[in-house]
C-alpha atoms as a PDB file:
ATOM      1  CA  UNK A   1       0.000   0.000   0.000  1.00  0.00           C
ATOM      2  CA  UNK A   2       2.848   2.409   0.779  1.00  0.00           C
ATOM      3  CA  UNK A   3       4.283   1.913  -2.693  1.00  0.00           C
ATOM      4  CA  UNK A   4       0.856   2.670  -4.143  1.00  0.00           C
ATOM      5  CA  UNK A   5       0.560   5.842  -2.045  1.00  0.00           C
ATOM      6  CA  UNK A   6       4.017   6.994  -3.095  1.00  0.00           C
ATOM      7  CA  UNK A   7       3.239   6.461  -6.776  1.00  0.00           C
ATOM      8  CA  UNK A   8      -0.021   8.407  -6.524  1.00  0.00           C
ATOM      9  CA  UNK A   9       1.525  11.320  -4.653  1.00  0.00           C
ATOM     10  CA  UNK A  10       4.516  11.514  -7.004  1.00  0.00           C
ATOM     11  CA  UNK A  11       2.140  11.349  -9.968  1.00  0.00           C
ATOM     12  CA  UNK A  12       0.260  14.332  -8.542  1.00  0.00           C
ATOM     13  CA  UNK A  13       3.134  16.717  -9.329  1.00  0.00           C
ATOM     14  CA  UNK A  14       3.190  16.380 -13.155  1.00  0.00           C
ATOM     15  CA  UNK A  15      -0.618  16.356 -13.147  1.00  0.00           C
ATOM     16  CA  UNK A  16      -0.733  19.697 -11.332  1.00  0.00           C
ATOM     17  CA  UNK A  17       1.887  21.048 -13.718  1.00  0.00           C
ATOM     18  CA  UNK A  18      -0.272  20.106 -16.726  1.00  0.00           C
ATOM     19  CA  UNK A  19      -3.411  21.565 -15.104  1.00  0.00           C
ATOM     20  CA  UNK A  20      -1.613  24.805 -14.269  1.00  0.00           C
ATOM     21  CA  UNK A  21      -0.294  25.105 -17.831  1.00  0.00           C
ATOM     22  CA  UNK A  22      -3.678  24.440 -19.455  1.00  0.00           C
ATOM     23  CA  UNK A  23      -5.512  26.767 -17.070  1.00  0.00           C
ATOM     24  CA  UNK A  24      -2.858  29.464 -17.538  1.00  0.00           C
ATOM     25  CA  UNK A  25      -3.099  29.344 -21.316  1.00  0.00           C
ATOM     26  CA  UNK A  26      -6.855  28.836 -21.705  1.00  0.00           C
ATOM     27  CA  UNK A  27      -7.873  31.719 -19.449  1.00  0.00           C
ATOM     28  CA  UNK A  28      -5.633  34.044 -21.478  1.00  0.00           C
ATOM     29  CA  UNK A  29      -7.273  32.954 -24.719  1.00  0.00           C
ATOM     30  CA  UNK A  30     -10.524  34.636 -23.642  1.00  0.00           C
ATOM     31  CA  UNK A  31     -11.119  38.044 -25.241  1.00  0.00           C
ATOM     32  CA  UNK A  32     -10.168  41.084 -23.195  1.00  0.00           C
ATOM     33  CA  UNK A  33      -7.877  41.526 -20.213  1.00  0.00           C
ATOM     34  CA  UNK A  34      -8.168  41.972 -16.436  1.00  0.00           C
ATOM     35  CA  UNK A  35      -8.097  45.756 -16.914  1.00  0.00           C
ATOM     36  CA  UNK A  36     -11.023  46.072 -19.350  1.00  0.00           C
ATOM     37  CA  UNK A  37     -13.833  46.272 -16.789  1.00  0.00           C
ATOM     38  CA  UNK A  38     -12.645  49.085 -14.546  1.00  0.00           C
ATOM     39  CA  UNK A  39     -15.154  51.703 -13.348  1.00  0.00           C
ATOM     40  CA  UNK A  40     -13.685  54.208 -15.806  1.00  0.00           C
ATOM     41  CA  UNK A  41     -11.849  53.296 -18.991  1.00  0.00           C
ATOM     42  CA  UNK A  42      -8.119  53.417 -18.356  1.00  0.00           C
ATOM     43  CA  UNK A  43      -5.943  55.602 -20.543  1.00  0.00           C
ATOM     44  CA  UNK A  44      -3.323  53.844 -22.681  1.00  0.00           C
ATOM     45  CA  UNK A  45      -0.565  55.019 -20.341  1.00  0.00           C
ATOM     46  CA  UNK A  46      -2.326  53.683 -17.232  1.00  0.00           C
ATOM     47  CA  UNK A  47      -3.125  50.374 -18.908  1.00  0.00           C
ATOM     48  CA  UNK A  48       0.488  50.055 -20.072  1.00  0.00           C
ATOM     49  CA  UNK A  49       1.672  50.727 -16.517  1.00  0.00           C
ATOM     50  CA  UNK A  50      -0.693  48.094 -15.127  1.00  0.00           C
ATOM     51  CA  UNK A  51       0.458  45.552 -17.677  1.00  0.00           C
ATOM     52  CA  UNK A  52       4.069  46.226 -16.777  1.00  0.00           C
ATOM     53  CA  UNK A  53       3.332  45.990 -13.056  1.00  0.00           C
ATOM     54  CA  UNK A  54       1.730  42.545 -13.439  1.00  0.00           C
ATOM     55  CA  UNK A  55       4.184  41.472 -16.192  1.00  0.00           C
ATOM     56  CA  UNK A  56       1.394  41.104 -18.745  1.00  0.00           C
ATOM     57  CA  UNK A  57       3.620  42.697 -21.373  1.00  0.00           C
ATOM     58  CA  UNK A  58       5.962  39.686 -21.399  1.00  0.00           C
ATOM     59  CA  UNK A  59       5.631  36.705 -23.763  1.00  0.00           C
ATOM     60  CA  UNK A  60       3.259  33.995 -22.550  1.00  0.00           C
ATOM     61  CA  UNK A  61       6.010  31.436 -21.998  1.00  0.00           C
ATOM     62  CA  UNK A  62       7.892  33.896 -19.817  1.00  0.00           C
ATOM     63  CA  UNK A  63       4.737  34.753 -17.874  1.00  0.00           C
ATOM     64  CA  UNK A  64       4.174  31.064 -17.210  1.00  0.00           C
ATOM     65  CA  UNK A  65       7.732  30.513 -16.006  1.00  0.00           C
ATOM     66  CA  UNK A  66       7.338  33.550 -13.747  1.00  0.00           C
ATOM     67  CA  UNK A  67       4.091  32.090 -12.409  1.00  0.00           C
ATOM     68  CA  UNK A  68       5.859  28.825 -11.649  1.00  0.00           C
ATOM     69  CA  UNK A  69       8.712  30.731  -9.980  1.00  0.00           C
ATOM     70  CA  UNK A  70      11.470  29.356 -12.244  1.00  0.00           C
ATOM     71  CA  UNK A  71      12.141  32.513 -14.300  1.00  0.00           C
ATOM     72  CA  UNK A  72      14.944  35.007 -13.901  1.00  0.00           C
ATOM     73  CA  UNK A  73      14.656  38.797 -13.906  1.00  0.00           C
ATOM     74  CA  UNK A  74      16.937  41.779 -13.742  1.00  0.00           C
ATOM     75  CA  UNK A  75      18.173  42.724 -10.283  1.00  0.00           C
ATOM     76  CA  UNK A  76      18.632  46.380 -11.233  1.00  0.00           C
ATOM     77  CA  UNK A  77      22.410  46.164 -10.996  1.00  0.00           C
ATOM     78  CA  UNK A  78      23.179  44.655 -14.358  1.00  0.00           C
ATOM     79  CA  UNK A  79      22.694  41.057 -13.214  1.00  0.00           C
ATOM     80  CA  UNK A  80      19.806  38.626 -12.907  1.00  0.00           C
ATOM     81  CA  UNK A  81      18.065  36.819 -10.042  1.00  0.00           C
ATOM     82  CA  UNK A  82      15.367  34.223  -9.586  1.00  0.00           C
ATOM     83  CA  UNK A  83      11.889  35.722  -9.265  1.00  0.00           C
ATOM     84  CA  UNK A  84      10.427  35.742  -5.803  1.00  0.00           C
ATOM     85  CA  UNK A  85       7.453  33.557  -4.968  1.00  0.00           C
ATOM     86  CA  UNK A  86       5.841  31.420  -7.606  1.00  0.00           C
ATOM     87  CA  UNK A  87       3.987  28.142  -7.577  1.00  0.00           C
ATOM     88  CA  UNK A  88       7.060  26.156  -6.548  1.00  0.00           C
ATOM     89  CA  UNK A  89       7.007  28.101  -3.261  1.00  0.00           C
ATOM     90  CA  UNK A  90       3.250  27.750  -2.784  1.00  0.00           C
ATOM     91  CA  UNK A  91       2.526  31.324  -3.916  1.00  0.00           C
ATOM     92  CA  UNK A  92      -0.494  31.509  -6.241  1.00  0.00           C
ATOM     93  CA  UNK A  93       0.272  35.101  -7.179  1.00  0.00           C
ATOM     94  CA  UNK A  94      -1.524  38.437  -6.763  1.00  0.00           C
ATOM     95  CA  UNK A  95      -5.152  39.014  -7.645  1.00  0.00           C
ATOM     96  CA  UNK A  96      -5.779  41.426 -10.510  1.00  0.00           C
ATOM     97  CA  UNK A  97      -9.219  42.421  -9.218  1.00  0.00           C
ATOM     98  CA  UNK A  98      -8.940  42.348  -5.423  1.00  0.00           C
ATOM     99  CA  UNK A  99      -6.226  44.913  -4.963  1.00  0.00           C
ATOM    100  CA  UNK A 100      -3.636  44.438  -2.212  1.00  0.00           C
ATOM    101  CA  UNK A 101      -4.741  40.806  -1.853  1.00  0.00           C
ATOM    102  CA  UNK A 102      -3.028  37.687  -3.066  1.00  0.00           C
ATOM    103  CA  UNK A 103      -4.803  34.561  -4.260  1.00  0.00           C
ATOM    104  CA  UNK A 104      -3.448  32.754  -1.185  1.00  0.00           C
ATOM    105  CA  UNK A 105      -5.178  35.297   1.075  1.00  0.00           C
ATOM    106  CA  UNK A 106      -8.527  34.871  -0.640  1.00  0.00           C
ATOM    107  CA  UNK A 107      -8.256  31.069  -0.649  1.00  0.00           C
ATOM    108  CA  UNK A 108      -7.361  31.108   3.058  1.00  0.00           C
ATOM    109  CA  UNK A 109     -10.396  33.296   3.724  1.00  0.00           C
ATOM    110  CA  UNK A 110     -13.036  31.556   1.618  1.00  0.00           C
ATOM    111  CA  UNK A 111     -11.975  27.911   1.431  1.00  0.00           C
ATOM    112  CA  UNK A 112     -12.616  27.045   5.127  1.00  0.00           C
ATOM    113  CA  UNK A 113     -16.172  28.373   4.816  1.00  0.00           C
ATOM    114  CA  UNK A 114     -16.817  26.450   1.606  1.00  0.00           C
ATOM    115  CA  UNK A 115     -15.272  23.322   3.122  1.00  0.00           C
ATOM    116  CA  UNK A 116     -17.499  23.633   6.200  1.00  0.00           C
ATOM    117  CA  UNK A 117     -20.603  24.013   4.042  1.00  0.00           C
ATOM    118  CA  UNK A 118     -19.497  21.190   1.742  1.00  0.00           C
ATOM    119  CA  UNK A 119     -18.736  18.798   4.593  1.00  0.00           C
ATOM    120  CA  UNK A 120     -22.095  19.483   6.249  1.00  0.00           C
ATOM    121  CA  UNK A 121     -23.902  18.981   2.937  1.00  0.00           C
ATOM    122  CA  UNK A 122     -21.945  15.754   2.361  1.00  0.00           C
ATOM    123  CA  UNK A 123     -22.920  14.384   5.787  1.00  0.00           C
ATOM    124  CA  UNK A 124     -26.536  15.401   5.175  1.00  0.00           C
ATOM    125  CA  UNK A 125     -26.579  13.713   1.750  1.00  0.00           C
ATOM    126  CA  UNK A 126     -25.062  10.516   3.146  1.00  0.00           C
ATOM    127  CA  UNK A 127     -27.281  10.538   6.233  1.00  0.00           C
ATOM    128  CA  UNK A 128     -30.412  10.811   4.102  1.00  0.00           C
ATOM    129  CA  UNK A 129     -29.420   8.937   0.948  1.00  0.00           C
ATOM    130  CA  UNK A 130     -27.905   5.762   2.419  1.00  0.00           C
ATOM    131  CA  UNK A 131     -30.820   4.859   4.761  1.00  0.00           C
ATOM    132  CA  UNK A 132     -33.347   5.745   2.063  1.00  0.00           C
ATOM    133  CA  UNK A 133     -31.530   3.579  -0.481  1.00  0.00           C
ATOM    134  CA  UNK A 134     -31.367   0.623   1.915  1.00  0.00           C
ATOM    135  CA  UNK A 135     -35.061   1.023   2.812  1.00  0.00           C
ATOM    136  CA  UNK A 136     -36.228   1.070  -0.816  1.00  0.00           C
ATOM    137  CA  UNK A 137     -33.975  -1.858  -1.799  1.00  0.00           C
ATOM    138  CA  UNK A 138     -35.297  -4.091   0.994  1.00  0.00           C
ATOM    139  CA  UNK A 139     -38.871  -3.277  -0.015  1.00  0.00           C
ATOM    140  CA  UNK A 140     -38.402  -3.582  -3.746  1.00  0.00           C
ATOM    141  CA  UNK A 141     -41.728  -3.602  -5.565  1.00  0.00           C
ATOM    142  CA  UNK A 142     -43.705  -2.593  -2.455  1.00  0.00           C
ATOM    143  CA  UNK A 143     -45.311   0.728  -1.552  1.00  0.00           C
ATOM    144  CA  UNK A 144     -42.312   1.682   0.568  1.00  0.00           C
ATOM    145  CA  UNK A 145     -40.098   1.275  -2.487  1.00  0.00           C
ATOM    146  CA  UNK A 146     -42.393   3.378  -4.685  1.00  0.00           C
ATOM    147  CA  UNK A 147     -42.706   6.205  -2.162  1.00  0.00           C
ATOM    148  CA  UNK A 148     -38.978   6.241  -1.297  1.00  0.00           C
ATOM    149  CA  UNK A 149     -37.948   6.110  -4.959  1.00  0.00           C
ATOM    150  CA  UNK A 150     -40.335   8.976  -5.735  1.00  0.00           C
ATOM    151  CA  UNK A 151     -38.763  11.198  -3.094  1.00  0.00           C
ATOM    152  CA  UNK A 152     -35.225  10.299  -4.168  1.00  0.00           C
ATOM    153  CA  UNK A 153     -36.040  11.131  -7.792  1.00  0.00           C
ATOM    154  CA  UNK A 154     -37.765  14.344  -6.697  1.00  0.00           C
ATOM    155  CA  UNK A 155     -34.691  15.425  -4.720  1.00  0.00           C
ATOM    156  CA  UNK A 156     -32.466  14.514  -7.664  1.00  0.00           C
ATOM    157  CA  UNK A 157     -34.529  16.469 -10.197  1.00  0.00           C
ATOM    158  CA  UNK A 158     -35.030  19.745  -8.308  1.00  0.00           C
ATOM    159  CA  UNK A 159     -31.890  21.947  -8.339  1.00  0.00           C
ATOM    160  CA  UNK A 160     -30.695  24.059  -5.445  1.00  0.00           C
ATOM    161  CA  UNK A 161     -31.687  27.177  -7.386  1.00  0.00           C
ATOM    162  CA  UNK A 162     -35.319  26.155  -6.781  1.00  0.00           C
ATOM    163  CA  UNK A 163     -35.003  24.498  -3.359  1.00  0.00           C
ATOM    164  CA  UNK A 164     -33.142  27.428  -1.782  1.00  0.00           C
ATOM    165  CA  UNK A 165     -35.764  30.147  -2.394  1.00  0.00           C
ATOM    166  CA  UNK A 166     -38.553  27.765  -1.320  1.00  0.00           C
ATOM    167  CA  UNK A 167     -36.783  27.066   1.977  1.00  0.00           C
ATOM    168  CA  UNK A 168     -36.136  30.780   2.490  1.00  0.00           C
ATOM    169  CA  UNK A 169     -39.758  31.731   1.869  1.00  0.00           C
ATOM    170  CA  UNK A 170     -41.211  28.901   3.960  1.00  0.00           C
ATOM    171  CA  UNK A 171     -38.851  28.226   6.869  1.00  0.00           C
ATOM    172  CA  UNK A 172     -37.162  31.627   7.154  1.00  0.00           C
ATOM    173  CA  UNK A 173     -39.667  34.306   6.122  1.00  0.00           C
ATOM    174  CA  UNK A 174     -43.031  32.627   6.764  1.00  0.00           C
ATOM    175  CA  UNK A 175     -42.388  30.531   9.876  1.00  0.00           C
ATOM    176  CA  UNK A 176     -39.171  32.286  11.027  1.00  0.00           C
ATOM    177  CA  UNK A 177     -37.542  29.026  12.113  1.00  0.00           C
ATOM    178  CA  UNK A 178     -34.099  29.786  10.670  1.00  0.00           C
ATOM    179  CA  UNK A 179     -32.105  32.898   9.696  1.00  0.00           C
ATOM    180  CA  UNK A 180     -32.347  33.952   6.068  1.00  0.00           C
ATOM    181  CA  UNK A 181     -28.648  34.319   5.257  1.00  0.00           C
ATOM    182  CA  UNK A 182     -25.030  34.737   6.407  1.00  0.00           C
ATOM    183  CA  UNK A 183     -22.779  32.215   8.165  1.00  0.00           C
ATOM    184  CA  UNK A 184     -22.364  33.243  11.795  1.00  0.00           C
ATOM    185  CA  UNK A 185     -24.045  30.530  13.884  1.00  0.00           C
ATOM    186  CA  UNK A 186     -25.139  26.869  13.625  1.00  0.00           C
ATOM    187  CA  UNK A 187     -28.681  28.016  12.815  1.00  0.00           C
ATOM    188  CA  UNK A 188     -27.370  29.899   9.780  1.00  0.00           C
ATOM    189  CA  UNK A 189     -25.904  26.638   8.438  1.00  0.00           C
ATOM    190  CA  UNK A 190     -29.145  24.649   8.282  1.00  0.00           C
ATOM    191  CA  UNK A 191     -30.805  26.035   5.157  1.00  0.00           C
ATOM    192  CA  UNK A 192     -27.631  26.200   2.987  1.00  0.00           C
ATOM    193  CA  UNK A 193     -26.720  22.649   4.044  1.00  0.00           C
ATOM    194  CA  UNK A 194     -30.142  21.252   3.139  1.00  0.00           C
ATOM    195  CA  UNK A 195     -30.235  23.196  -0.131  1.00  0.00           C
ATOM    196  CA  UNK A 196     -26.820  21.947  -1.229  1.00  0.00           C
ATOM    197  CA  UNK A 197     -27.135  18.383   0.082  1.00  0.00           C
ATOM    198  CA  UNK A 198     -30.690  17.534  -0.958  1.00  0.00           C
ATOM    199  CA  UNK A 199     -29.859  17.028  -4.629  1.00  0.00           C
ATOM    200  CA  UNK A 200     -26.954  14.688  -3.842  1.00  0.00           C
ATOM    201  CA  UNK A 201     -28.987  12.745  -1.272  1.00  0.00           C
ATOM    202  CA  UNK A 202     -31.349  11.665  -4.057  1.00  0.00           C
ATOM    203  CA  UNK A 203     -28.440  10.525  -6.210  1.00  0.00           C
ATOM    204  CA  UNK A 204     -26.859   8.621  -3.330  1.00  0.00           C
ATOM    205  CA  UNK A 205     -30.204   6.969  -2.535  1.00  0.00           C
ATOM    206  CA  UNK A 206     -30.441   5.698  -6.109  1.00  0.00           C
ATOM    207  CA  UNK A 207     -26.877   4.339  -6.046  1.00  0.00           C
ATOM    208  CA  UNK A 208     -27.439   2.726  -2.647  1.00  0.00           C
ATOM    209  CA  UNK A 209     -30.673   1.127  -3.784  1.00  0.00           C
ATOM    210  CA  UNK A 210     -29.077  -0.468  -6.830  1.00  0.00           C
ATOM    211  CA  UNK A 211     -26.013  -1.565  -4.865  1.00  0.00           C
ATOM    212  CA  UNK A 212     -28.084  -3.164  -2.105  1.00  0.00           C
ATOM    213  CA  UNK A 213     -30.388  -4.843  -4.615  1.00  0.00           C
ATOM    214  CA  UNK A 214     -27.430  -6.503  -6.331  1.00  0.00           C
ATOM    215  CA  UNK A 215     -25.721  -7.393  -3.042  1.00  0.00           C
ATOM    216  CA  UNK A 216     -28.809  -9.170  -1.729  1.00  0.00           C
ATOM    217  CA  UNK A 217     -28.599 -11.548  -4.703  1.00  0.00           C
ATOM    218  CA  UNK A 218     -25.052 -12.646  -3.900  1.00  0.00           C
ATOM    219  CA  UNK A 219     -24.387 -16.247  -2.851  1.00  0.00           C
ATOM    220  CA  UNK A 220     -22.831 -15.311   0.489  1.00  0.00           C
ATOM    221  CA  UNK A 221     -26.030 -13.446   1.459  1.00  0.00           C
ATOM    222  CA  UNK A 222     -28.115 -16.522   0.652  1.00  0.00           C
ATOM    223  CA  UNK A 223     -25.691 -18.598   2.732  1.00  0.00           C
ATOM    224  CA  UNK A 224     -25.956 -16.184   5.651  1.00  0.00           C
ATOM    225  CA  UNK A 225     -29.740 -16.483   5.583  1.00  0.00           C
ATOM    226  CA  UNK A 226     -29.484 -20.258   5.403  1.00  0.00           C
ATOM    227  CA  UNK A 227     -27.404 -20.184   8.591  1.00  0.00           C
ATOM    228  CA  UNK A 228     -30.331 -18.593  10.399  1.00  0.00           C
ATOM    229  CA  UNK A 229     -28.994 -15.055  10.763  1.00  0.00           C
ATOM    230  CA  UNK A 230     -31.548 -12.317  11.292  1.00  0.00           C
ATOM    231  CA  UNK A 231     -32.395  -9.951   8.444  1.00  0.00           C
ATOM    232  CA  UNK A 232     -30.608  -7.040  10.120  1.00  0.00           C
ATOM    233  CA  UNK A 233     -27.436  -9.130  10.520  1.00  0.00           C
ATOM    234  CA  UNK A 234     -27.593 -10.211   6.877  1.00  0.00           C
ATOM    235  CA  UNK A 235     -28.016  -6.615   5.699  1.00  0.00           C
ATOM    236  CA  UNK A 236     -25.592  -4.726   7.930  1.00  0.00           C
ATOM    237  CA  UNK A 237     -22.903  -7.339   8.540  1.00  0.00           C
ATOM    238  CA  UNK A 238     -22.734  -8.935   5.091  1.00  0.00           C
ATOM    239  CA  UNK A 239     -24.576  -7.107   2.296  1.00  0.00           C
ATOM    240  CA  UNK A 240     -23.800  -3.515   3.262  1.00  0.00           C
ATOM    241  CA  UNK A 241     -20.031  -3.825   2.763  1.00  0.00           C
ATOM    242  CA  UNK A 242     -20.513  -4.661  -0.922  1.00  0.00           C
ATOM    243  CA  UNK A 243     -23.633  -2.585  -1.506  1.00  0.00           C
ATOM    244  CA  UNK A 244     -22.021   0.681  -0.427  1.00  0.00           C
ATOM    245  CA  UNK A 245     -19.153   0.448  -2.955  1.00  0.00           C
ATOM    246  CA  UNK A 246     -20.960   2.501  -5.670  1.00  0.00           C
ATOM    247  CA  UNK A 247     -21.591   5.227  -3.094  1.00  0.00           C
ATOM    248  CA  UNK A 248     -17.944   5.170  -2.031  1.00  0.00           C
ATOM    249  CA  UNK A 249     -16.806   5.510  -5.663  1.00  0.00           C
ATOM    250  CA  UNK A 250     -19.114   8.478  -6.142  1.00  0.00           C
ATOM    251  CA  UNK A 251     -18.189  10.161  -2.859  1.00  0.00           C
ATOM    252  CA  UNK A 252     -14.702  11.281  -3.952  1.00  0.00           C
ATOM    253  CA  UNK A 253     -15.689  13.624  -6.805  1.00  0.00           C
ATOM    254  CA  UNK A 254     -18.832  14.559  -4.874  1.00  0.00           C
ATOM    255  CA  UNK A 255     -16.900  15.671  -1.813  1.00  0.00           C
ATOM    256  CA  UNK A 256     -14.422  17.617  -3.965  1.00  0.00           C
ATOM    257  CA  UNK A 257     -17.321  19.475  -5.607  1.00  0.00           C
ATOM    258  CA  UNK A 258     -18.929  20.222  -2.269  1.00  0.00           C
ATOM    259  CA  UNK A 259     -15.744  21.292  -0.500  1.00  0.00           C
ATOM    260  CA  UNK A 260     -14.915  23.866  -3.163  1.00  0.00           C
ATOM    261  CA  UNK A 261     -18.313  25.472  -2.683  1.00  0.00           C
ATOM    262  CA  UNK A 262     -21.442  26.079  -4.699  1.00  0.00           C
ATOM    263  CA  UNK A 263     -21.820  29.430  -6.417  1.00  0.00           C
ATOM    264  CA  UNK A 264     -25.623  29.246  -6.432  1.00  0.00           C
ATOM    265  CA  UNK A 265     -26.040  28.305  -2.774  1.00  0.00           C
ATOM    266  CA  UNK A 266     -23.366  30.702  -1.546  1.00  0.00           C
ATOM    267  CA  UNK A 267     -25.020  33.562  -3.442  1.00  0.00           C
ATOM    268  CA  UNK A 268     -28.522  32.680  -2.257  1.00  0.00           C
ATOM    269  CA  UNK A 269     -27.541  32.638   1.405  1.00  0.00           C
ATOM    270  CA  UNK A 270     -24.680  35.184   1.239  1.00  0.00           C
ATOM    271  CA  UNK A 271     -22.181  32.580   2.402  1.00  0.00           C
ATOM    272  CA  UNK A 272     -18.643  34.048   2.191  1.00  0.00           C
ATOM    273  CA  UNK A 273     -17.145  30.994   0.515  1.00  0.00           C
ATOM    274  CA  UNK A 274     -14.869  30.454  -2.439  1.00  0.00           C
ATOM    275  CA  UNK A 275     -17.494  29.676  -5.082  1.00  0.00           C
ATOM    276  CA  UNK A 276     -18.307  33.365  -5.580  1.00  0.00           C
ATOM    277  CA  UNK A 277     -14.635  34.191  -6.157  1.00  0.00           C
ATOM    278  CA  UNK A 278     -14.308  31.393  -8.723  1.00  0.00           C
ATOM    279  CA  UNK A 279     -17.156  32.630 -10.926  1.00  0.00           C
ATOM    280  CA  UNK A 280     -16.418  36.335 -10.519  1.00  0.00           C
ATOM    281  CA  UNK A 281     -12.743  35.833 -11.299  1.00  0.00           C
ATOM    282  CA  UNK A 282     -13.608  33.927 -14.478  1.00  0.00           C
ATOM    283  CA  UNK A 283     -15.973  36.683 -15.600  1.00  0.00           C
ATOM    284  CA  UNK A 284     -13.510  39.407 -14.614  1.00  0.00           C
ATOM    285  CA  UNK A 285     -10.508  37.625 -16.190  1.00  0.00           C
ATOM    286  CA  UNK A 286      -8.592  37.533 -12.938  1.00  0.00           C
ATOM    287  CA  UNK A 287      -6.023  35.161 -14.378  1.00  0.00           C
ATOM    288  CA  UNK A 288      -4.149  34.219 -11.229  1.00  0.00           C
ATOM    289  CA  UNK A 289      -7.362  33.635  -9.282  1.00  0.00           C
ATOM    290  CA  UNK A 290      -8.782  31.290 -11.924  1.00  0.00           C
ATOM    291  CA  UNK A 291      -5.585  29.251 -12.180  1.00  0.00           C
ATOM    292  CA  UNK A 292      -5.114  29.156  -8.401  1.00  0.00           C
ATOM    293  CA  UNK A 293      -8.647  27.971  -7.693  1.00  0.00           C
ATOM    294  CA  UNK A 294      -8.385  25.383 -10.471  1.00  0.00           C
ATOM    295  CA  UNK A 295      -5.268  24.011  -8.793  1.00  0.00           C
ATOM    296  CA  UNK A 296      -6.964  23.953  -5.387  1.00  0.00           C
ATOM    297  CA  UNK A 297      -9.859  22.000  -6.866  1.00  0.00           C
ATOM    298  CA  UNK A 298      -7.471  19.598  -8.633  1.00  0.00           C
ATOM    299  CA  UNK A 299      -5.541  18.886  -5.427  1.00  0.00           C
ATOM    300  CA  UNK A 300      -8.743  18.215  -3.509  1.00  0.00           C
ATOM    301  CA  UNK A 301     -10.101  15.987  -6.277  1.00  0.00           C
ATOM    302  CA  UNK A 302      -6.943  13.878  -6.525  1.00  0.00           C
ATOM    303  CA  UNK A 303      -6.502  13.492  -2.760  1.00  0.00           C
ATOM    304  CA  UNK A 304     -10.148  12.603  -2.200  1.00  0.00           C
ATOM    305  CA  UNK A 305     -10.091  10.081  -5.042  1.00  0.00           C
ATOM    306  CA  UNK A 306      -7.010   8.570  -3.419  1.00  0.00           C
ATOM    307  CA  UNK A 307      -8.921   8.316  -0.146  1.00  0.00           C
ATOM    308  CA  UNK A 308     -11.790   6.649  -2.025  1.00  0.00           C
ATOM    309  CA  UNK A 309      -9.406   4.074  -3.547  1.00  0.00           C
ATOM    310  CA  UNK A 310      -8.010   3.234  -0.103  1.00  0.00           C
ATOM    311  CA  UNK A 311     -11.512   2.922   1.351  1.00  0.00           C
ATOM    312  CA  UNK A 312     -12.593   0.782  -1.598  1.00  0.00           C
ATOM    313  CA  UNK A 313      -9.684  -1.589  -0.981  1.00  0.00           C
ATOM    314  CA  UNK A 314     -10.571  -1.821   2.697  1.00  0.00           C
ATOM    315  CA  UNK A 315     -14.238  -2.626   2.024  1.00  0.00           C
ATOM    316  CA  UNK A 316     -13.600  -5.093  -0.791  1.00  0.00           C
ATOM    317  CA  UNK A 317     -10.540  -7.252  -0.090  1.00  0.00           C
ATOM    318  CA  UNK A 318     -10.633  -8.549  -3.653  1.00  0.00           C
ATOM    319  CA  UNK A 319      -9.335  -5.147  -4.798  1.00  0.00           C
ATOM    320  CA  UNK A 320      -5.535  -5.016  -4.693  1.00  0.00           C
ATOM    321  CA  UNK A 321      -3.812  -1.625  -4.617  1.00  0.00           C
ATOM    322  CA  UNK A 322      -0.693  -1.744  -6.749  1.00  0.00           C
END
């Protein structure tokens, strides 16, 4: 297993390098520049000064090497020196739109909030989807299956853009059970968590239902029943380990999506997470912010998929990590 972990972690470095290169180049292929949407149109002299300040006047290959931190620049005394900062030192660069703030500062500010919201939504989705999937699978073809499957499909089909306003109007404005917005107390977390997690709970319920249905047909489950074990022992001690594998496979990308925030939910409830920065930076052509957030998402996705692979190998001993 340690060899497998080492290979995956070492393989992460060239993958991040490719992602940074593609993100760096693609975002600069969009029309315009970070200085096109100022409150007042900048004069040519001011725009030229801004481009020089952020090194946008250099060739693209040189800008990329500077972003990585492996370029050399003049030291003002007739010699050269390595540029300060850069990706190799963990510096994601300055933001072009949020003046006097670096991308690292904004990530450090917004990512913990988005991760808190994402983790709560993940726990909510698992806590609702897994029991509902087990319940419908064990009552396949009965009324319990029809009703549970209806609610899982309903949750899966209604997006957060619709669920959020309904929850705000009903539970916050009409009945005043929860605060409308912000992120300052546990009560403020309830409505965003339900809004973000409800959609995924329906998807998890469907995966769990199919996994449990197939697991209950396995020979070892039939053998366990023949030995006189109770239904709960058959389900939770034998069938569940195999039935939950589709959910485990899905949980890695799901958790990465949730931890990096949801633009819609964060805007609806004024949650100060990172999703708002991601969309606004793309629209405002904040190059460093887009590339930095893409790298953050890539790291989370790879590490969580690695955790899923390890969990998969633990649950199913037939899977060998090599």
